[in-house]
Every structure is written in C-alpha cells, then in structure tokens.
C-alpha atoms as a PDB file:
ATOM      1  CA  UNK A   1     -65.688  33.812  34.529  1.00  0.00           C
ATOM      2  CA  UNK A   2     -62.176  34.293  33.440  1.00  0.00           C
ATOM      3  CA  UNK A   3     -60.618  34.836  29.774  1.00  0.00           C
ATOM      4  CA  UNK A   4     -59.035  31.403  30.814  1.00  0.00           C
ATOM      5  CA  UNK A   5     -63.300  30.497  31.316  1.00  0.00           C
ATOM      6  CA  UNK A   6     -62.461  29.333  34.988  1.00  0.00           C
ATOM      7  CA  UNK A   7     -63.585  31.422  38.247  1.00  0.00           C
ATOM      8  CA  UNK A   8     -60.331  33.376  39.138  1.00  0.00           C
ATOM      9  CA  UNK A   9     -59.235  32.470  42.889  1.00  0.00           C
ATOM     10  CA  UNK A  10     -56.688  34.229  45.073  1.00  0.00           C
ATOM     11  CA  UNK A  11     -55.920  33.086  48.838  1.00  0.00           C
ATOM     12  CA  UNK A  12     -53.662  35.430  50.682  1.00  0.00           C
ATOM     13  CA  UNK A  13     -51.882  34.035  54.625  1.00  0.00           C
ATOM     14  CA  UNK A  14     -49.507  35.928  55.848  1.00  0.00           C
ATOM     15  CA  UNK A  15     -47.114  32.697  56.421  1.00  0.00           C
ATOM     16  CA  UNK A  16     -46.402  29.640  54.872  1.00  0.00           C
ATOM     17  CA  UNK A  17     -44.988  28.312  57.906  1.00  0.00           C
ATOM     18  CA  UNK A  18     -46.659  24.846  58.210  1.00  0.00           C
ATOM     19  CA  UNK A  19     -49.319  25.140  60.793  1.00  0.00           C
ATOM     20  CA  UNK A  20     -52.739  24.497  61.455  1.00  0.00           C
ATOM     21  CA  UNK A  21     -53.978  27.285  59.532  1.00  0.00           C
ATOM     22  CA  UNK A  22     -51.730  26.771  56.652  1.00  0.00           C
ATOM     23  CA  UNK A  23     -52.195  22.963  56.378  1.00  0.00           C
ATOM     24  CA  UNK A  24     -56.221  24.276  56.049  1.00  0.00           C
ATOM     25  CA  UNK A  25     -55.789  26.420  53.334  1.00  0.00           C
ATOM     26  CA  UNK A  26     -54.232  24.535  51.422  1.00  0.00           C
ATOM     27  CA  UNK A  27     -56.888  21.515  52.202  1.00  0.00           C
ATOM     28  CA  UNK A  28     -58.474  24.257  50.405  1.00  0.00           C
ATOM     29  CA  UNK A  29     -57.240  24.563  47.746  1.00  0.00           C
ATOM     30  CA  UNK A  30     -56.097  21.124  46.370  1.00  0.00           C
ATOM     31  CA  UNK A  31     -60.198  20.080  46.564  1.00  0.00           C
ATOM     32  CA  UNK A  32     -60.577  22.763  44.390  1.00  0.00           C
ATOM     33  CA  UNK A  33     -61.829  21.015  41.033  1.00  0.00           C
ATOM     34  CA  UNK A  34     -58.950  22.615  38.564  1.00  0.00           C
ATOM     35  CA  UNK A  35     -61.111  22.133  35.331  1.00  0.00           C
ATOM     36  CA  UNK A  36     -64.087  24.898  36.511  1.00  0.00           C
ATOM     37  CA  UNK A  37     -61.177  27.114  39.181  1.00  0.00           C
ATOM     38  CA  UNK A  38     -57.641  28.855  38.114  1.00  0.00           C
ATOM     39  CA  UNK A  39     -56.411  29.819  42.009  1.00  0.00           C
ATOM     40  CA  UNK A  40     -53.444  32.097  42.386  1.00  0.00           C
ATOM     41  CA  UNK A  41     -51.688  31.477  46.116  1.00  0.00           C
ATOM     42  CA  UNK A  42     -50.631  34.848  48.016  1.00  0.00           C
ATOM     43  CA  UNK A  43     -47.968  34.678  50.421  1.00  0.00           C
ATOM     44  CA  UNK A  44     -45.617  36.711  52.849  1.00  0.00           C
ATOM     45  CA  UNK A  45     -42.073  37.233  53.426  1.00  0.00           C
ATOM     46  CA  UNK A  46     -42.331  34.443  56.828  1.00  0.00           C
ATOM     47  CA  UNK A  47     -42.791  31.631  54.147  1.00  0.00           C
ATOM     48  CA  UNK A  48     -41.167  28.207  54.356  1.00  0.00           C
ATOM     49  CA  UNK A  49     -40.145  28.438  51.032  1.00  0.00           C
ATOM     50  CA  UNK A  50     -39.771  24.506  50.522  1.00  0.00           C
ATOM     51  CA  UNK A  51     -43.872  24.315  51.461  1.00  0.00           C
ATOM     52  CA  UNK A  52     -44.865  26.600  49.188  1.00  0.00           C
ATOM     53  CA  UNK A  53     -43.271  24.164  46.326  1.00  0.00           C
ATOM     54  CA  UNK A  54     -45.144  21.277  46.835  1.00  0.00           C
ATOM     55  CA  UNK A  55     -48.578  22.839  45.941  1.00  0.00           C
ATOM     56  CA  UNK A  56     -46.839  24.367  42.974  1.00  0.00           C
ATOM     57  CA  UNK A  57     -49.210  22.341  41.299  1.00  0.00           C
ATOM     58  CA  UNK A  58     -52.385  22.986  42.383  1.00  0.00           C
ATOM     59  CA  UNK A  59     -51.814  27.262  42.451  1.00  0.00           C
ATOM     60  CA  UNK A  60     -49.204  29.874  41.661  1.00  0.00           C
ATOM     61  CA  UNK A  61     -47.773  31.097  44.052  1.00  0.00           C
ATOM     62  CA  UNK A  62     -47.022  34.957  44.737  1.00  0.00           C
ATOM     63  CA  UNK A  63     -44.626  35.940  47.560  1.00  0.00           C
ATOM     64  CA  UNK A  64     -45.426  39.176  48.991  1.00  0.00           C
ATOM     65  CA  UNK A  65     -41.587  40.020  51.320  1.00  0.00           C
ATOM     66  CA  UNK A  66     -43.061  42.538  53.397  1.00  0.00           C
ATOM     67  CA  UNK A  67     -46.411  41.204  54.726  1.00  0.00           C
ATOM     68  CA  UNK A  68     -45.507  39.692  57.951  1.00  0.00           C
ATOM     69  CA  UNK A  69     -47.006  38.947  60.929  1.00  0.00           C
ATOM     70  CA  UNK A  70     -46.091  41.974  63.408  1.00  0.00           C
ATOM     71  CA  UNK A  71     -47.332  45.033  62.690  1.00  0.00           C
ATOM     72  CA  UNK A  72     -44.495  47.245  60.785  1.00  0.00           C
ATOM     73  CA  UNK A  73     -46.513  51.176  59.086  1.00  0.00           C
ATOM     74  CA  UNK A  74     -44.298  50.827  56.571  1.00  0.00           C
ATOM     75  CA  UNK A  75     -44.132  47.342  55.754  1.00  0.00           C
ATOM     76  CA  UNK A  76     -47.956  46.882  55.313  1.00  0.00           C
ATOM     77  CA  UNK A  77     -48.760  49.622  53.683  1.00  0.00           C
ATOM     78  CA  UNK A  78     -46.287  48.642  50.853  1.00  0.00           C
ATOM     79  CA  UNK A  79     -48.205  44.734  51.587  1.00  0.00           C
ATOM     80  CA  UNK A  80     -51.303  47.264  50.821  1.00  0.00           C
ATOM     81  CA  UNK A  81     -50.531  48.613  47.733  1.00  0.00           C
ATOM     82  CA  UNK A  82     -48.759  45.508  46.575  1.00  0.00           C
ATOM     83  CA  UNK A  83     -51.607  43.139  47.079  1.00  0.00           C
ATOM     84  CA  UNK A  84     -54.408  45.896  45.948  1.00  0.00           C
ATOM     85  CA  UNK A  85     -51.917  46.158  42.487  1.00  0.00           C
ATOM     86  CA  UNK A  86     -52.279  42.574  42.270  1.00  0.00           C
ATOM     87  CA  UNK A  87     -56.355  42.254  43.060  1.00  0.00           C
ATOM     88  CA  UNK A  88     -56.638  44.724  40.780  1.00  0.00           C
ATOM     89  CA  UNK A  89     -54.329  43.306  37.793  1.00  0.00           C
ATOM     90  CA  UNK A  90     -56.210  39.830  37.925  1.00  0.00           C
ATOM     91  CA  UNK A  91     -59.503  40.565  38.466  1.00  0.00           C
ATOM     92  CA  UNK A  92     -60.450  37.363  40.745  1.00  0.00           C
ATOM     93  CA  UNK A  93     -63.934  36.466  41.315  1.00  0.00           C
ATOM     94  CA  UNK A  94     -63.537  35.736  44.897  1.00  0.00           C
ATOM     95  CA  UNK A  95     -60.683  36.694  47.167  1.00  0.00           C
ATOM     96  CA  UNK A  96     -59.840  33.832  49.869  1.00  0.00           C
ATOM     97  CA  UNK A  97     -58.598  35.419  53.157  1.00  0.00           C
ATOM     98  CA  UNK A  98     -57.351  33.416  55.790  1.00  0.00           C
ATOM     99  CA  UNK A  99     -55.510  34.960  59.361  1.00  0.00           C
ATOM    100  CA  UNK A 100     -55.478  38.465  61.161  1.00  0.00           C
ATOM    101  CA  UNK A 101     -52.892  40.500  58.600  1.00  0.00           C
ATOM    102  CA  UNK A 102     -53.632  38.604  55.941  1.00  0.00           C
ATOM    103  CA  UNK A 103     -57.211  38.700  56.553  1.00  0.00           C
ATOM    104  CA  UNK A 104     -57.401  42.178  56.817  1.00  0.00           C
ATOM    105  CA  UNK A 105     -55.159  43.596  53.946  1.00  0.00           C
ATOM    106  CA  UNK A 106     -56.560  41.918  51.692  1.00  0.00           C
ATOM    107  CA  UNK A 107     -60.144  41.989  52.313  1.00  0.00           C
ATOM    108  CA  UNK A 108     -59.680  45.678  51.823  1.00  0.00           C
ATOM    109  CA  UNK A 109     -57.097  45.929  48.754  1.00  0.00           C
ATOM    110  CA  UNK A 110     -59.908  43.076  47.359  1.00  0.00           C
ATOM    111  CA  UNK A 111     -63.220  45.868  48.331  1.00  0.00           C
ATOM    112  CA  UNK A 112     -61.397  48.737  46.917  1.00  0.00           C
ATOM    113  CA  UNK A 113     -60.137  46.445  44.028  1.00  0.00           C
ATOM    114  CA  UNK A 114     -64.574  45.603  43.574  1.00  0.00           C
ATOM    115  CA  UNK A 115     -64.009  42.021  43.796  1.00  0.00           C
ATOM    116  CA  UNK A 116     -67.059  40.715  43.513  1.00  0.00           C
ATOM    117  CA  UNK A 117     -67.114  37.688  46.251  1.00  0.00           C
ATOM    118  CA  UNK A 118     -64.520  37.681  49.470  1.00  0.00           C
ATOM    119  CA  UNK A 119     -64.738  35.397  52.019  1.00  0.00           C
ATOM    120  CA  UNK A 120     -62.382  35.266  54.856  1.00  0.00           C
ATOM    121  CA  UNK A 121     -61.666  31.604  57.330  1.00  0.00           C
ATOM    122  CA  UNK A 122     -60.722  31.658  61.186  1.00  0.00           C
ATOM    123  CA  UNK A 123     -58.090  29.792  62.077  1.00  0.00           C
ATOM    124  CA  UNK A 124     -57.651  30.733  65.669  1.00  0.00           C
ATOM    125  CA  UNK A 125     -58.382  33.374  68.157  1.00  0.00           C
ATOM    126  CA  UNK A 126     -56.564  37.378  67.370  1.00  0.00           C
ATOM    127  CA  UNK A 127     -56.790  38.480  70.502  1.00  0.00           C
ATOM    128  CA  UNK A 128     -56.262  37.293  73.977  1.00  0.00           C
ATOM    129  CA  UNK A 129     -56.256  38.537  77.564  1.00  0.00           C
ATOM    130  CA  UNK A 130     -52.234  38.930  77.739  1.00  0.00           C
ATOM    131  CA  UNK A 131     -52.028  41.992  74.598  1.00  0.00           C
ATOM    132  CA  UNK A 132     -53.397  45.408  76.302  1.00  0.00           C
ATOM    133  CA  UNK A 133     -56.342  46.786  76.082  1.00  0.00           C
ATOM    134  CA  UNK A 134     -55.753  49.800  73.678  1.00  0.00           C
ATOM    135  CA  UNK A 135     -53.809  46.776  71.025  1.00  0.00           C
ATOM    136  CA  UNK A 136     -56.977  44.360  71.816  1.00  0.00           C
ATOM    137  CA  UNK A 137     -59.786  47.092  70.261  1.00  0.00           C
ATOM    138  CA  UNK A 138     -57.135  48.417  68.054  1.00  0.00           C
ATOM    139  CA  UNK A 139     -57.093  44.197  66.663  1.00  0.00           C
ATOM    140  CA  UNK A 140     -61.033  44.297  67.419  1.00  0.00           C
ATOM    141  CA  UNK A 141     -61.390  47.942  65.591  1.00  0.00           C
ATOM    142  CA  UNK A 142     -59.950  45.941  62.735  1.00  0.00           C
ATOM    143  CA  UNK A 143     -61.384  43.451  62.437  1.00  0.00           C
ATOM    144  CA  UNK A 144     -65.214  45.192  62.148  1.00  0.00           C
ATOM    145  CA  UNK A 145     -63.480  47.589  59.539  1.00  0.00           C
ATOM    146  CA  UNK A 146     -63.458  44.086  57.741  1.00  0.00           C
ATOM    147  CA  UNK A 147     -66.103  42.892  57.826  1.00  0.00           C
ATOM    148  CA  UNK A 148     -68.176  45.369  56.587  1.00  0.00           C
ATOM    149  CA  UNK A 149     -66.604  44.237  52.962  1.00  0.00           C
ATOM    150  CA  UNK A 150     -67.106  40.655  54.103  1.00  0.00           C
ATOM    151  CA  UNK A 151     -69.228  38.546  52.226  1.00  0.00           C
ATOM    152  CA  UNK A 152     -68.816  34.912  53.947  1.00  0.00           C
ATOM    153  CA  UNK A 153     -66.862  33.667  57.009  1.00  0.00           C
ATOM    154  CA  UNK A 154     -65.901  30.508  57.335  1.00  0.00           C
ATOM    155  CA  UNK A 155     -65.045  28.376  60.451  1.00  0.00           C
END
C-alpha cells in the first residue's frame, strides 16, 4: 500500500485521441474502486486535451510532450527518462501500459524503476505486412524484449 493506504497505479498510453485503445483504457481507470486505488494517467503530447480533462476526477493526469507515436530517437530517449523519473518518484505498485510505444518505453522504465507488477494491454496489431521487413523485425525484437519484464498481458 502507498502512503495514502491505497494501491498506486500508473496507466501509460502514447496518445489520447478518442479511439478504441483510449476508450478501453479510460473504462479501466473509471472501473477501479477509488477507495482502494490511486490512479495516475500518463499520456504523450499528441493528445486531445479536452478528452483528458473529462477524466480528471478519476485519475491525476501527467503529460510527457516527447512521447509521440512516430519514432524519433531523441524524443523517445527524453520520454523514457521522464517516464522513468515519474515511476521512480511515485513508487507505483502497478504500471499498466497501452499501445506500442507507450507500452515498450513504459514497461522498460517500470522494470528499471523496480515496479512490482507490470501489465500491458494489447489493443491492436502493431506489425503489418505493409511494413518494411527491417522495421517489422525491429518491432518484434523490441516487443520480445519488453515481454521479458511484463508480468501479465491483457487482450
């Protein structure tokens, strides 16, 4: 239990844009009993902030502007260190990640920060036939790496 006597949970999603993954994640957050859970919601910079405001009573929102869908090595590295800092500072009991990039960066940061339970929800297909073989194999390699530190996958 955290200092407030509650289970501390962090949800991480790359972007909040009123899509399927977003709706599912928000439903998960709203479904938690606030008497025993304290929830933070970390999103990237490509977010519909009016949508984020709607969940204000259910979770504290944190924004990492550098966390974006497209690969950008510098932004991704900055996002990783910022997420690691948030997780280390708040000592969450559970980190629950969503989407490909938020899932990879969040799970690796949570593992390095010593988070006891790391969950990842699979919301869609990350690997497509129209991708270049190199990019597809890189994504698969990264997902296998993150899987090593994931306690539970939710589908």
